[in-house]
N, C-alpha and C. Protein backbone atom coordinates (compact mmCIF):
# COMPACT_ATOMS: atom_id res chain seq x y z
N UNK A 1 118.14 101.14 66.75
CA UNK A 1 117.14 99.98 67.49
C UNK A 1 116.19 100.71 68.19
N UNK A 2 114.95 100.14 68.29
CA UNK A 2 114.15 100.55 69.14
C UNK A 2 114.15 100.15 70.58
N UNK A 3 113.71 100.87 71.43
CA UNK A 3 113.99 100.56 72.95
C UNK A 3 112.74 99.99 73.14
N UNK A 4 113.09 98.95 74.13
CA UNK A 4 111.84 97.97 74.44
C UNK A 4 111.21 98.50 75.82
N UNK A 5 109.81 98.34 76.18
CA UNK A 5 109.27 98.71 77.31
C UNK A 5 109.60 97.77 78.44
N UNK A 6 110.24 98.27 79.25
CA UNK A 6 110.51 97.38 80.68
C UNK A 6 109.24 97.27 81.79
N UNK A 7 108.63 98.35 81.69
CA UNK A 7 107.67 98.51 82.46
C UNK A 7 106.69 99.44 82.40
N UNK A 8 105.71 99.84 83.27
CA UNK A 8 104.76 100.73 82.98
C UNK A 8 105.18 102.02 82.85
N UNK A 9 105.05 102.72 81.56
CA UNK A 9 105.57 103.89 81.31
C UNK A 9 107.21 104.23 81.38
N UNK A 10 107.94 103.13 81.40
CA UNK A 10 109.18 103.28 81.73
C UNK A 10 110.04 102.81 80.59
N UNK A 11 110.75 103.57 79.85
CA UNK A 11 111.44 103.27 78.57
C UNK A 11 112.92 102.66 79.10
N UNK A 12 113.18 101.47 78.54
CA UNK A 12 114.67 101.15 78.79
C UNK A 12 115.63 102.26 78.24
N UNK A 13 116.71 102.10 79.22
CA UNK A 13 117.69 103.22 78.70
C UNK A 13 117.56 104.49 79.37
N UNK A 14 116.55 104.95 80.18
CA UNK A 14 116.47 106.19 80.81
C UNK A 14 116.85 105.84 82.12
N UNK A 15 118.16 106.63 82.41
CA UNK A 15 118.59 106.39 83.64
C UNK A 15 118.29 107.59 84.58
N UNK A 16 117.88 107.47 85.71
CA UNK A 16 117.65 108.74 86.57
C UNK A 16 118.65 109.11 87.45
N UNK A 17 119.73 108.18 87.46
CA UNK A 17 121.00 108.26 88.43
C UNK A 17 122.11 108.44 87.16
N UNK A 18 123.07 109.69 87.61
CA UNK A 18 124.07 110.16 86.76
C UNK A 18 125.27 109.68 87.65
N UNK A 19 126.33 109.88 86.57
CA UNK A 19 127.90 109.71 87.28
C UNK A 19 127.97 110.87 88.20
N UNK A 20 127.65 111.79 88.18
CA UNK A 20 127.95 112.99 89.01
C UNK A 20 127.13 112.59 90.55
N UNK A 21 125.87 112.15 90.54
CA UNK A 21 125.01 111.71 91.62
C UNK A 21 125.96 110.74 92.41
N UNK A 22 126.55 109.84 91.69
CA UNK A 22 127.34 108.57 92.23
C UNK A 22 128.36 109.33 92.97
N UNK A 23 129.15 110.28 92.28
CA UNK A 23 130.57 110.83 92.80
C UNK A 23 130.37 111.81 93.97
N UNK A 24 129.01 112.42 94.15
CA UNK A 24 128.88 113.20 95.32
C UNK A 24 128.06 112.73 96.24
N UNK A 25 127.36 111.50 96.22
CA UNK A 25 126.65 111.00 97.14
C UNK A 25 127.30 110.22 98.40
N UNK A 26 126.89 110.08 99.41
CA UNK A 26 127.53 109.46 100.70
C UNK A 26 126.40 108.85 101.33
N UNK A 27 126.87 107.70 102.28
CA UNK A 27 126.00 107.32 103.29
C UNK A 27 124.97 106.63 102.69
N UNK A 28 123.76 106.92 103.37
CA UNK A 28 122.44 106.44 102.80
C UNK A 28 122.07 106.77 101.39
N UNK A 29 122.44 107.97 101.19
CA UNK A 29 122.01 108.51 99.71
C UNK A 29 122.69 107.61 98.59
N UNK A 30 124.06 107.42 98.84
CA UNK A 30 124.89 106.47 98.05
C UNK A 30 124.20 105.26 97.83
N UNK A 31 123.92 104.66 99.07
CA UNK A 31 123.25 103.07 98.75
C UNK A 31 122.14 103.36 98.04
N UNK A 32 121.06 104.35 98.27
CA UNK A 32 119.82 104.33 97.47
C UNK A 32 120.26 104.67 96.21
N UNK A 33 121.02 105.42 95.63
CA UNK A 33 121.43 105.86 94.46
C UNK A 33 121.73 104.45 93.79
N UNK A 34 122.81 103.80 94.37
CA UNK A 34 123.06 102.68 93.76
C UNK A 34 122.06 101.38 93.47
N UNK A 35 121.29 101.11 94.44
CA UNK A 35 120.10 100.54 94.43
C UNK A 35 119.19 100.85 93.40
N UNK A 36 119.07 102.19 93.11
CA UNK A 36 118.13 102.74 91.93
C UNK A 36 118.74 102.31 90.81
N UNK A 37 119.86 102.60 90.64
CA UNK A 37 120.87 102.43 89.40
C UNK A 37 120.98 100.96 89.03
N UNK A 38 121.25 100.19 90.02
CA UNK A 38 121.03 98.62 89.72
C UNK A 38 119.80 98.20 89.02
N UNK A 39 118.76 98.80 89.88
CA UNK A 39 117.34 98.45 89.20
C UNK A 39 117.07 98.80 87.90
N UNK A 40 117.54 99.98 87.48
CA UNK A 40 117.59 100.45 86.02
C UNK A 40 118.35 99.83 84.77
N UNK A 41 119.57 99.43 85.49
CA UNK A 41 120.70 98.76 84.53
C UNK A 41 119.93 97.41 84.33
N UNK A 42 119.31 96.81 85.22
CA UNK A 42 118.92 95.60 85.15
C UNK A 42 117.67 95.12 83.83
N UNK A 43 117.07 96.56 83.59
CA UNK A 43 115.98 96.52 82.53
C UNK A 43 116.52 97.30 81.30
N UNK A 44 118.05 97.77 81.26
CA UNK A 44 118.77 98.20 80.06
C UNK A 44 118.87 97.29 79.22
N UNK A 45 118.50 97.44 77.90
CA UNK A 45 118.59 96.67 76.82
C UNK A 45 120.17 96.86 76.51
N UNK A 46 120.75 95.62 76.06
CA UNK A 46 122.04 95.50 75.24
C UNK A 46 121.87 96.07 73.97
N UNK A 47 122.16 97.39 73.66
CA UNK A 47 122.10 98.02 72.29
C UNK A 47 123.67 98.77 72.05
N UNK A 48 123.57 99.29 70.58
CA UNK A 48 124.74 100.11 70.36
C UNK A 48 124.59 101.51 70.88
N UNK A 49 123.52 102.00 71.44
CA UNK A 49 123.25 103.10 72.12
C UNK A 49 123.46 103.06 73.62
N UNK A 50 124.51 103.63 74.14
CA UNK A 50 124.97 103.86 75.56
C UNK A 50 124.90 105.36 76.09
N UNK A 51 123.94 106.16 75.50
CA UNK A 51 123.73 107.68 75.85
C UNK A 51 123.59 107.68 77.45
N UNK A 52 124.23 108.45 78.28
CA UNK A 52 123.76 108.65 79.39
C UNK A 52 124.33 107.64 80.40
N UNK A 53 124.90 106.45 79.81
CA UNK A 53 125.58 105.32 80.53
C UNK A 53 126.87 105.77 80.88
N UNK A 54 127.61 106.14 80.07
CA UNK A 54 129.24 106.53 79.98
C UNK A 54 129.80 107.08 81.12
N UNK A 55 128.95 108.23 81.64
CA UNK A 55 129.35 108.87 82.95
C UNK A 55 129.06 107.80 84.19
N UNK A 56 128.04 107.09 84.20
CA UNK A 56 127.73 106.05 85.33
C UNK A 56 128.88 105.13 85.29
N UNK A 57 129.31 104.57 83.97
CA UNK A 57 130.15 103.63 84.01
C UNK A 57 131.48 104.29 84.57
N UNK A 58 131.93 105.28 84.22
CA UNK A 58 133.24 105.89 84.74
C UNK A 58 133.14 106.06 86.35
N UNK A 59 131.88 106.31 86.83
CA UNK A 59 131.77 106.63 88.31
C UNK A 59 131.92 105.36 89.09
N UNK A 60 131.16 104.25 88.47
CA UNK A 60 131.16 102.93 88.95
C UNK A 60 132.89 102.27 89.03
N UNK A 61 133.44 102.76 87.80
CA UNK A 61 134.68 102.07 87.94
C UNK A 61 135.79 102.86 88.76
N UNK A 62 135.39 103.85 89.57
CA UNK A 62 136.18 104.72 90.56
C UNK A 62 136.66 103.78 91.68
N UNK A 63 137.86 103.77 91.96
CA UNK A 63 138.19 103.06 93.18
C UNK A 63 137.65 103.29 94.48
N UNK A 64 137.03 104.70 94.38
CA UNK A 64 136.35 105.06 95.67
C UNK A 64 135.11 104.26 96.17
N UNK A 65 134.33 103.57 95.02
CA UNK A 65 133.19 102.55 95.07
C UNK A 65 133.57 101.28 95.22
N UNK A 66 134.82 100.94 94.32
CA UNK A 66 135.10 99.56 94.19
C UNK A 66 135.80 99.14 95.47
N UNK A 67 136.20 100.10 96.19
CA UNK A 67 136.96 99.62 97.40
C UNK A 67 136.40 100.32 98.81
N UNK A 68 135.11 100.83 98.56
CA UNK A 68 134.53 101.54 99.87
C UNK A 68 134.28 100.61 101.06
N UNK A 69 134.40 101.13 102.01
CA UNK A 69 134.28 100.26 103.17
C UNK A 69 133.04 99.77 103.65
N UNK A 70 131.98 100.46 103.04
CA UNK A 70 130.53 99.71 103.23
C UNK A 70 130.46 98.52 102.27
N UNK A 71 130.14 97.25 102.68
CA UNK A 71 130.05 96.11 102.12
C UNK A 71 128.81 96.20 100.96
N UNK A 72 127.76 96.99 101.56
CA UNK A 72 126.57 97.17 100.93
C UNK A 72 126.81 97.87 99.52
N UNK A 73 127.65 99.01 99.61
CA UNK A 73 128.26 99.77 98.61
C UNK A 73 128.99 99.04 97.57
N UNK A 74 129.73 97.98 98.22
CA UNK A 74 130.64 97.12 97.28
C UNK A 74 129.78 96.42 96.35
N UNK A 75 128.88 95.55 97.26
CA UNK A 75 127.87 94.64 96.62
C UNK A 75 127.14 95.37 95.41
N UNK A 76 126.66 96.57 95.61
CA UNK A 76 125.56 97.23 94.71
C UNK A 76 126.68 97.78 93.38
N UNK A 77 127.85 98.28 94.00
CA UNK A 77 128.52 98.69 92.58
C UNK A 77 129.10 97.42 91.84
N UNK A 78 129.35 96.35 92.45
CA UNK A 78 129.50 95.01 91.63
C UNK A 78 128.41 94.71 90.78
N UNK A 79 127.07 94.66 91.42
CA UNK A 79 125.99 94.50 90.51
C UNK A 79 125.83 95.29 89.39
N UNK A 80 126.17 96.68 89.64
CA UNK A 80 126.10 97.52 88.79
C UNK A 80 127.15 97.65 87.56
N UNK A 81 128.31 97.31 87.73
CA UNK A 81 129.36 97.11 86.88
C UNK A 81 128.90 95.74 86.13
N UNK A 82 128.65 94.75 86.56
CA UNK A 82 128.26 93.49 86.03
C UNK A 82 127.16 93.75 84.98
N UNK A 83 126.15 94.39 85.36
CA UNK A 83 125.09 95.03 84.31
C UNK A 83 125.75 95.88 83.03
N UNK A 84 126.61 96.98 83.47
CA UNK A 84 127.25 97.67 82.65
C UNK A 84 128.23 96.97 81.43
N UNK A 85 128.87 95.86 82.05
CA UNK A 85 129.74 95.03 81.11
C UNK A 85 128.76 94.14 80.29
N UNK A 86 127.60 93.85 80.90
CA UNK A 86 126.75 93.06 79.73
C UNK A 86 126.07 94.05 78.83
N UNK A 87 125.74 95.16 79.25
CA UNK A 87 125.15 96.16 78.40
C UNK A 87 126.15 96.52 77.01
N UNK A 88 127.53 96.61 77.42
CA UNK A 88 128.73 97.02 76.58
C UNK A 88 129.12 95.98 75.77
N UNK A 89 128.68 94.69 76.07
CA UNK A 89 129.47 93.69 75.45
C UNK A 89 129.17 93.70 73.80
N UNK A 90 130.20 93.09 73.02
CA UNK A 90 131.51 92.49 73.60
C UNK A 90 132.46 93.50 74.05
N UNK A 91 132.14 94.74 73.81
CA UNK A 91 132.99 95.95 74.43
C UNK A 91 132.93 96.13 75.66
N UNK A 92 134.04 97.01 75.99
CA UNK A 92 133.98 97.47 77.62
C UNK A 92 134.17 98.98 77.57
N UNK A 93 133.69 99.53 78.51
CA UNK A 93 133.83 101.14 78.94
C UNK A 93 135.05 101.25 79.57
N UNK A 94 135.50 100.37 80.22
CA UNK A 94 136.86 100.42 81.20
C UNK A 94 138.15 99.81 80.48
N UNK A 95 139.05 100.66 81.32
CA UNK A 95 140.55 100.50 80.60
C UNK A 95 140.87 99.17 81.62
N UNK A 96 142.04 98.50 81.01
CA UNK A 96 142.71 97.04 81.58
C UNK A 96 142.94 97.56 82.97
N UNK A 97 143.36 98.45 83.34
CA UNK A 97 143.52 98.82 84.79
C UNK A 97 142.42 99.01 85.89
N UNK A 98 141.40 99.25 85.25
CA UNK A 98 140.08 99.67 85.94
C UNK A 98 139.58 98.07 86.04
N UNK A 99 139.57 97.50 85.02
CA UNK A 99 138.99 95.92 85.00
C UNK A 99 139.75 95.03 86.14
N UNK A 100 141.02 95.49 86.26
CA UNK A 100 141.97 94.77 87.19
C UNK A 100 141.68 95.04 88.51
N UNK A 101 141.16 96.37 88.85
CA UNK A 101 140.67 96.63 90.15
C UNK A 101 139.12 95.98 90.42
N UNK A 102 138.38 95.69 89.27
CA UNK A 102 137.02 95.29 89.45
C UNK A 102 137.07 93.83 89.74
N UNK A 103 138.13 93.09 89.02
CA UNK A 103 138.17 91.91 89.47
C UNK A 103 139.44 91.40 90.14
């Protein structure tokens, strides 16, 4: 499948945030990383190719983010998880236990 162009010089599917970025970030850096990832995932096409997305999906499914004390982190995580589920549909990158934590 060909990647669609979502913005000027930006190819869909190119994520600048990695799963390890999310796992190591704290405070304002974590919020900024989640905001960036949320914007990028919004433009990510639903395809068979999920290269680079798996590590982010795993980090987003971590209870550390899903149950974070900061409501903004929880909100942005939920937005990102929603987009990950849309991109992977009809499959899911998450185990039944992780989905239970999400919902």
